C-alpha atoms as a PDB file:
ATOM      1  CA  UNK A   1    -200.048  88.885-178.507  1.00  0.00           C
ATOM      2  CA  UNK A   2    -203.527  89.527-177.118  1.00  0.00           C
ATOM      3  CA  UNK A   3    -206.319  90.637-179.366  1.00  0.00           C
ATOM      4  CA  UNK A   4    -207.089  94.369-179.138  1.00  0.00           C
ATOM      5  CA  UNK A   5    -210.634  94.642-177.747  1.00  0.00           C
ATOM      6  CA  UNK A   6    -213.088  96.916-179.713  1.00  0.00           C
ATOM      7  CA  UNK A   7    -215.781  97.840-177.220  1.00  0.00           C
ATOM      8  CA  UNK A   8    -219.476  97.871-178.140  1.00  0.00           C
ATOM      9  CA  UNK A   9    -222.363  99.001-176.026  1.00  0.00           C
ATOM     10  CA  UNK A  10    -224.600  96.321-177.625  1.00  0.00           C
ATOM     11  CA  UNK A  11    -224.408  93.012-175.723  1.00  0.00           C
ATOM     12  CA  UNK A  12    -225.927  90.752-178.453  1.00  0.00           C
ATOM     13  CA  UNK A  13    -222.749  89.080-179.922  1.00  0.00           C
ATOM     14  CA  UNK A  14    -224.562  87.892-183.036  1.00  0.00           C
ATOM     15  CA  UNK A  15    -225.855  91.422-183.728  1.00  0.00           C
ATOM     16  CA  UNK A  16    -222.496  92.902-183.088  1.00  0.00           C
ATOM     17  CA  UNK A  17    -220.892  90.475-185.597  1.00  0.00           C
ATOM     18  CA  UNK A  18    -223.655  91.321-188.146  1.00  0.00           C
ATOM     19  CA  UNK A  19    -223.351  95.054-187.880  1.00  0.00           C
ATOM     20  CA  UNK A  20    -219.539  95.003-187.921  1.00  0.00           C
ATOM     21  CA  UNK A  21    -219.638  92.898-191.012  1.00  0.00           C
ATOM     22  CA  UNK A  22    -221.813  95.485-192.724  1.00  0.00           C
ATOM     23  CA  UNK A  23    -219.457  98.191-191.430  1.00  0.00           C
ATOM     24  CA  UNK A  24    -216.387  96.472-192.738  1.00  0.00           C
ATOM     25  CA  UNK A  25    -217.840  95.900-196.215  1.00  0.00           C
ATOM     26  CA  UNK A  26    -218.817  99.555-196.557  1.00  0.00           C
ATOM     27  CA  UNK A  27    -215.494 100.669-195.110  1.00  0.00           C
ATOM     28  CA  UNK A  28    -213.302  98.697-197.528  1.00  0.00           C
ATOM     29  CA  UNK A  29    -214.921 100.392-200.573  1.00  0.00           C
ATOM     30  CA  UNK A  30    -214.501 103.871-199.051  1.00  0.00           C
ATOM     31  CA  UNK A  31    -211.019 103.372-197.768  1.00  0.00           C
ATOM     32  CA  UNK A  32    -209.950 102.155-201.250  1.00  0.00           C
ATOM     33  CA  UNK A  33    -211.592 105.159-202.943  1.00  0.00           C
ATOM     34  CA  UNK A  34    -210.695 107.950-200.540  1.00  0.00           C
ATOM     35  CA  UNK A  35    -208.271 106.558-198.017  1.00  0.00           C
ATOM     36  CA  UNK A  36    -208.648 106.179-194.343  1.00  0.00           C
ATOM     37  CA  UNK A  37    -208.157 109.764-193.245  1.00  0.00           C
ATOM     38  CA  UNK A  38    -210.520 111.354-195.929  1.00  0.00           C
ATOM     39  CA  UNK A  39    -213.341 108.895-195.128  1.00  0.00           C
ATOM     40  CA  UNK A  40    -215.760 109.962-192.399  1.00  0.00           C
ATOM     41  CA  UNK A  41    -217.623 107.750-189.990  1.00  0.00           C
ATOM     42  CA  UNK A  42    -220.908 109.258-191.289  1.00  0.00           C
ATOM     43  CA  UNK A  43    -220.027 108.003-194.770  1.00  0.00           C
ATOM     44  CA  UNK A  44    -219.135 104.578-193.355  1.00  0.00           C
ATOM     45  CA  UNK A  45    -222.461 104.383-191.572  1.00  0.00           C
ATOM     46  CA  UNK A  46    -224.366 105.402-194.747  1.00  0.00           C
ATOM     47  CA  UNK A  47    -222.420 102.701-196.795  1.00  0.00           C
ATOM     48  CA  UNK A  48    -223.242 100.196-194.094  1.00  0.00           C
ATOM     49  CA  UNK A  49    -226.934 101.010-194.217  1.00  0.00           C
ATOM     50  CA  UNK A  50    -227.519 102.507-190.819  1.00  0.00           C
ATOM     51  CA  UNK A  51    -227.232 105.808-188.846  1.00  0.00           C
ATOM     52  CA  UNK A  52    -224.110 107.376-187.374  1.00  0.00           C
ATOM     53  CA  UNK A  53    -225.718 106.866-183.958  1.00  0.00           C
ATOM     54  CA  UNK A  54    -226.055 103.089-184.609  1.00  0.00           C
ATOM     55  CA  UNK A  55    -222.501 102.938-185.781  1.00  0.00           C
ATOM     56  CA  UNK A  56    -221.171 104.263-182.503  1.00  0.00           C
ATOM     57  CA  UNK A  57    -223.029 101.489-180.625  1.00  0.00           C
ATOM     58  CA  UNK A  58    -220.552  98.968-182.233  1.00  0.00           C
ATOM     59  CA  UNK A  59    -217.260 100.978-182.223  1.00  0.00           C
ATOM     60  CA  UNK A  60    -215.740 103.941-180.230  1.00  0.00           C
ATOM     61  CA  UNK A  61    -213.704 105.648-182.937  1.00  0.00           C
ATOM     62  CA  UNK A  62    -213.016 105.538-186.649  1.00  0.00           C
ATOM     63  CA  UNK A  63    -209.680 103.716-186.093  1.00  0.00           C
ATOM     64  CA  UNK A  64    -211.658 100.742-184.623  1.00  0.00           C
ATOM     65  CA  UNK A  65    -213.151 100.281-188.083  1.00  0.00           C
ATOM     66  CA  UNK A  66    -209.749 100.074-189.793  1.00  0.00           C
ATOM     67  CA  UNK A  67    -208.599  97.649-187.165  1.00  0.00           C
ATOM     68  CA  UNK A  68    -211.604  95.469-187.713  1.00  0.00           C
ATOM     69  CA  UNK A  69    -211.103  95.507-191.494  1.00  0.00           C
ATOM     70  CA  UNK A  70    -207.434  94.343-191.266  1.00  0.00           C
ATOM     71  CA  UNK A  71    -208.082  91.921-188.409  1.00  0.00           C
ATOM     72  CA  UNK A  72    -210.988  90.288-190.221  1.00  0.00           C
ATOM     73  CA  UNK A  73    -209.014  89.981-193.399  1.00  0.00           C
ATOM     74  CA  UNK A  74    -206.135  88.160-191.643  1.00  0.00           C
ATOM     75  CA  UNK A  75    -208.543  85.847-189.779  1.00  0.00           C
ATOM     76  CA  UNK A  76    -210.234  84.892-193.119  1.00  0.00           C
ATOM     77  CA  UNK A  77    -206.939  84.204-194.868  1.00  0.00           C
ATOM     78  CA  UNK A  78    -205.549  82.222-191.992  1.00  0.00           C
ATOM     79  CA  UNK A  79    -208.674  80.062-191.581  1.00  0.00           C
ATOM     80  CA  UNK A  80    -208.842  79.212-195.308  1.00  0.00           C
ATOM     81  CA  UNK A  81    -205.088  78.617-195.443  1.00  0.00           C
ATOM     82  CA  UNK A  82    -205.111  76.370-192.355  1.00  0.00           C
ATOM     83  CA  UNK A  83    -207.891  74.210-193.891  1.00  0.00           C
ATOM     84  CA  UNK A  84    -205.961  73.784-197.128  1.00  0.00           C
ATOM     85  CA  UNK A  85    -202.544  73.202-195.591  1.00  0.00           C
ATOM     86  CA  UNK A  86    -203.925  70.562-193.163  1.00  0.00           C
ATOM     87  CA  UNK A  87    -204.170  68.278-196.261  1.00  0.00           C
ATOM     88  CA  UNK A  88    -200.558  68.985-197.315  1.00  0.00           C
ATOM     89  CA  UNK A  89    -198.608  65.699-197.867  1.00  0.00           C
ATOM     90  CA  UNK A  90    -195.093  67.099-197.516  1.00  0.00           C
ATOM     91  CA  UNK A  91    -194.429  66.846-201.273  1.00  0.00           C
ATOM     92  CA  UNK A  92    -193.513  69.517-203.709  1.00  0.00           C
ATOM     93  CA  UNK A  93    -196.646  68.866-205.722  1.00  0.00           C
ATOM     94  CA  UNK A  94    -198.976  69.280-202.727  1.00  0.00           C
ATOM     95  CA  UNK A  95    -197.080  72.398-201.705  1.00  0.00           C
ATOM     96  CA  UNK A  96    -197.587  73.883-205.237  1.00  0.00           C
ATOM     97  CA  UNK A  97    -201.331  73.175-204.927  1.00  0.00           C
ATOM     98  CA  UNK A  98    -201.485  74.913-201.598  1.00  0.00           C
ATOM     99  CA  UNK A  99    -199.620  77.994-202.924  1.00  0.00           C
ATOM    100  CA  UNK A 100    -201.965  78.034-205.984  1.00  0.00           C
ATOM    101  CA  UNK A 101    -204.935  77.918-203.619  1.00  0.00           C
ATOM    102  CA  UNK A 102    -203.473  80.809-201.529  1.00  0.00           C
ATOM    103  CA  UNK A 103    -202.857  82.885-204.673  1.00  0.00           C
ATOM    104  CA  UNK A 104    -206.538  82.461-205.789  1.00  0.00           C
ATOM    105  CA  UNK A 105    -207.797  83.370-202.313  1.00  0.00           C
ATOM    106  CA  UNK A 106    -205.711  86.586-202.411  1.00  0.00           C
ATOM    107  CA  UNK A 107    -207.086  87.391-205.757  1.00  0.00           C
ATOM    108  CA  UNK A 108    -210.604  87.015-204.418  1.00  0.00           C
ATOM    109  CA  UNK A 109    -209.774  89.301-201.548  1.00  0.00           C
ATOM    110  CA  UNK A 110    -207.800  91.816-203.589  1.00  0.00           C
ATOM    111  CA  UNK A 111    -209.846  94.802-202.294  1.00  0.00           C
ATOM    112  CA  UNK A 112    -209.060  93.978-198.755  1.00  0.00           C
ATOM    113  CA  UNK A 113    -205.403  93.395-199.578  1.00  0.00           C
ATOM    114  CA  UNK A 114    -205.177  96.812-201.148  1.00  0.00           C
ATOM    115  CA  UNK A 115    -206.789  98.549-198.260  1.00  0.00           C
ATOM    116  CA  UNK A 116    -204.497  96.698-195.813  1.00  0.00           C
ATOM    117  CA  UNK A 117    -201.256  97.857-197.524  1.00  0.00           C
ATOM    118  CA  UNK A 118    -202.537 101.396-198.051  1.00  0.00           C
ATOM    119  CA  UNK A 119    -203.957 102.030-194.701  1.00  0.00           C
ATOM    120  CA  UNK A 120    -202.289  99.680-192.038  1.00  0.00           C
ATOM    121  CA  UNK A 121    -199.863 102.550-191.263  1.00  0.00           C
ATOM    122  CA  UNK A 122    -202.773 104.402-189.772  1.00  0.00           C
ATOM    123  CA  UNK A 123    -203.361 101.822-186.997  1.00  0.00           C
ATOM    124  CA  UNK A 124    -202.424 102.818-183.430  1.00  0.00           C
ATOM    125  CA  UNK A 125    -199.183 101.743-181.789  1.00  0.00           C
ATOM    126  CA  UNK A 126    -201.044  98.991-179.898  1.00  0.00           C
ATOM    127  CA  UNK A 127    -202.977  97.680-182.926  1.00  0.00           C
ATOM    128  CA  UNK A 128    -200.268  97.616-185.549  1.00  0.00           C
ATOM    129  CA  UNK A 129    -197.951  95.109-183.806  1.00  0.00           C
ATOM    130  CA  UNK A 130    -200.916  92.828-183.232  1.00  0.00           C
ATOM    131  CA  UNK A 131    -201.919  92.671-186.926  1.00  0.00           C
ATOM    132  CA  UNK A 132    -198.334  92.380-188.145  1.00  0.00           C
ATOM    133  CA  UNK A 133    -197.800  89.482-185.809  1.00  0.00           C
ATOM    134  CA  UNK A 134    -200.843  87.762-187.485  1.00  0.00           C
ATOM    135  CA  UNK A 135    -199.049  88.058-190.819  1.00  0.00           C
ATOM    136  CA  UNK A 136    -195.877  86.448-189.330  1.00  0.00           C
ATOM    137  CA  UNK A 137    -198.012  83.589-188.008  1.00  0.00           C
ATOM    138  CA  UNK A 138    -199.467  83.117-191.570  1.00  0.00           C
ATOM    139  CA  UNK A 139    -195.965  83.036-193.062  1.00  0.00           C
ATOM    140  CA  UNK A 140    -195.223  80.488-190.384  1.00  0.00           C
ATOM    141  CA  UNK A 141    -197.838  78.094-191.806  1.00  0.00           C
ATOM    142  CA  UNK A 142    -196.007  78.062-195.077  1.00  0.00           C
ATOM    143  CA  UNK A 143    -192.665  77.556-193.188  1.00  0.00           C
ATOM    144  CA  UNK A 144    -194.136  74.423-191.652  1.00  0.00           C
ATOM    145  CA  UNK A 145    -195.222  72.753-194.921  1.00  0.00           C
ATOM    146  CA  UNK A 146    -191.850  73.713-196.534  1.00  0.00           C
ATOM    147  CA  UNK A 147    -190.019  72.082-193.620  1.00  0.00           C
ATOM    148  CA  UNK A 148    -192.151  68.971-194.250  1.00  0.00           C
ATOM    149  CA  UNK A 149    -190.949  68.866-197.786  1.00  0.00           C
ATOM    150  CA  UNK A 150    -187.361  69.266-196.582  1.00  0.00           C
ATOM    151  CA  UNK A 151    -187.795  66.380-194.075  1.00  0.00           C
ATOM    152  CA  UNK A 152    -189.168  64.218-196.894  1.00  0.00           C
ATOM    153  CA  UNK A 153    -186.240  64.931-199.053  1.00  0.00           C
ATOM    154  CA  UNK A 154    -188.347  66.855-201.565  1.00  0.00           C
ATOM    155  CA  UNK A 155    -186.518  70.114-201.048  1.00  0.00           C
ATOM    156  CA  UNK A 156    -182.994  70.909-199.919  1.00  0.00           C
ATOM    157  CA  UNK A 157    -183.130  74.154-197.906  1.00  0.00           C
ATOM    158  CA  UNK A 158    -181.602  75.433-194.704  1.00  0.00           C
ATOM    159  CA  UNK A 159    -183.638  77.373-191.947  1.00  0.00           C
ATOM    160  CA  UNK A 160    -182.935  80.842-193.427  1.00  0.00           C
ATOM    161  CA  UNK A 161    -183.807  79.759-196.918  1.00  0.00           C
ATOM    162  CA  UNK A 162    -187.011  78.248-195.661  1.00  0.00           C
ATOM    163  CA  UNK A 163    -188.021  81.475-193.996  1.00  0.00           C
ATOM    164  CA  UNK A 164    -187.186  83.568-197.085  1.00  0.00           C
ATOM    165  CA  UNK A 165    -189.005  81.110-199.373  1.00  0.00           C
ATOM    166  CA  UNK A 166    -192.125  81.349-197.178  1.00  0.00           C
ATOM    167  CA  UNK A 167    -192.021  85.266-197.095  1.00  0.00           C
ATOM    168  CA  UNK A 168    -191.443  85.344-200.974  1.00  0.00           C
ATOM    169  CA  UNK A 169    -194.594  83.168-201.732  1.00  0.00           C
ATOM    170  CA  UNK A 170    -196.625  85.047-199.128  1.00  0.00           C
ATOM    171  CA  UNK A 171    -195.917  88.392-200.775  1.00  0.00           C
ATOM    172  CA  UNK A 172    -196.159  87.182-204.350  1.00  0.00           C
ATOM    173  CA  UNK A 173    -199.615  85.834-203.599  1.00  0.00           C
ATOM    174  CA  UNK A 174    -200.704  89.314-202.608  1.00  0.00           C
ATOM    175  CA  UNK A 175    -198.997  90.989-205.492  1.00  0.00           C
ATOM    176  CA  UNK A 176    -202.035  90.317-207.802  1.00  0.00           C
ATOM    177  CA  UNK A 177    -204.029  92.597-205.525  1.00  0.00           C
ATOM    178  CA  UNK A 178    -201.807  95.701-205.711  1.00  0.00           C
ATOM    179  CA  UNK A 179    -200.196  95.226-209.147  1.00  0.00           C
ATOM    180  CA  UNK A 180    -203.212  93.792-211.024  1.00  0.00           C
ATOM    181  CA  UNK A 181    -203.641  97.123-212.967  1.00  0.00           C
ATOM    182  CA  UNK A 182    -200.402  96.085-214.760  1.00  0.00           C
ATOM    183  CA  UNK A 183    -200.452  92.293-214.469  1.00  0.00           C
ATOM    184  CA  UNK A 184    -203.950  91.771-215.988  1.00  0.00           C
ATOM    185  CA  UNK A 185    -202.799  93.395-219.198  1.00  0.00           C
ATOM    186  CA  UNK A 186    -200.328  90.550-219.723  1.00  0.00           C
ATOM    187  CA  UNK A 187    -201.553  87.486-217.754  1.00  0.00           C
ATOM    188  CA  UNK A 188    -204.660  85.787-216.771  1.00  0.00           C
ATOM    189  CA  UNK A 189    -204.764  84.962-213.041  1.00  0.00           C
ATOM    190  CA  UNK A 190    -204.007  81.294-213.778  1.00  0.00           C
ATOM    191  CA  UNK A 191    -201.095  82.230-216.050  1.00  0.00           C
ATOM    192  CA  UNK A 192    -199.810  84.417-213.290  1.00  0.00           C
ATOM    193  CA  UNK A 193    -200.018  81.576-210.780  1.00  0.00           C
ATOM    194  CA  UNK A 194    -198.336  79.075-213.066  1.00  0.00           C
ATOM    195  CA  UNK A 195    -195.402  81.389-213.845  1.00  0.00           C
ATOM    196  CA  UNK A 196    -194.922  82.380-210.246  1.00  0.00           C
ATOM    197  CA  UNK A 197    -194.856  78.728-209.257  1.00  0.00           C
ATOM    198  CA  UNK A 198    -192.276  78.108-211.973  1.00  0.00           C
ATOM    199  CA  UNK A 199    -190.094  80.886-210.845  1.00  0.00           C
ATOM    200  CA  UNK A 200    -190.538  80.066-207.042  1.00  0.00           C
ATOM    201  CA  UNK A 201    -189.436  76.486-207.479  1.00  0.00           C
ATOM    202  CA  UNK A 202    -186.872  76.879-210.170  1.00  0.00           C
ATOM    203  CA  UNK A 203    -183.957  77.548-207.839  1.00  0.00           C
ATOM    204  CA  UNK A 204    -184.866  75.121-205.020  1.00  0.00           C
ATOM    205  CA  UNK A 205    -185.644  72.200-207.349  1.00  0.00           C
ATOM    206  CA  UNK A 206    -182.430  72.845-209.358  1.00  0.00           C
ATOM    207  CA  UNK A 207    -180.575  72.593-206.061  1.00  0.00           C
ATOM    208  CA  UNK A 208    -182.119  69.187-205.368  1.00  0.00           C
ATOM    209  CA  UNK A 209    -181.226  67.932-208.789  1.00  0.00           C
ATOM    210  CA  UNK A 210    -177.676  69.065-208.477  1.00  0.00           C
ATOM    211  CA  UNK A 211    -177.439  67.362-205.097  1.00  0.00           C
ATOM    212  CA  UNK A 212    -178.509  64.031-206.455  1.00  0.00           C
ATOM    213  CA  UNK A 213    -176.478  64.106-209.588  1.00  0.00           C
ATOM    214  CA  UNK A 214    -179.271  65.355-211.951  1.00  0.00           C
ATOM    215  CA  UNK A 215    -178.893  67.792-214.768  1.00  0.00           C
ATOM    216  CA  UNK A 216    -177.003  70.992-213.997  1.00  0.00           C
END
């Protein structure tokens, strides 16, 4: 699915990138505090450090900013995830390390995650399918490394189980962002990651042990 183009009247691509980065950072805080609909473009411009007139040199409407926020977030997650998963060895231990890395990245980007889940519904009909497809692509990255573990005999899962396992770990990595108000009262981030890994792998590894005559 093609990227939705956000038009700018400024032709300097480096300046466009810089201004939009300022815009995104200011918008994330405002969207989290007030929501997309109650936030004005004037407030976003002020938070970004420039005038409303300057803001409209880089976007055409307020929804463009929401789209840029969500799109940028997915790009950052995918790039970091691809770099980490490229070193995956097709073993359960290397998969666990990749999942832990992803969980920490999601904790670092928890403000963006919260905005994404709260406000993605406000995207237009052409923008929403695009950003949702990017999420499916990221789930697919995990599917690939899980499949490597299956081919190496490290896990015993069929195609549907692989897909659900990938979706589960993808969502549980983001859970820290939108449930941290409760989770932080009980767990540190590292405790949360360790327990999630234990629960995620309990069923699949038990299945492997049963299949090889291990403990039941």
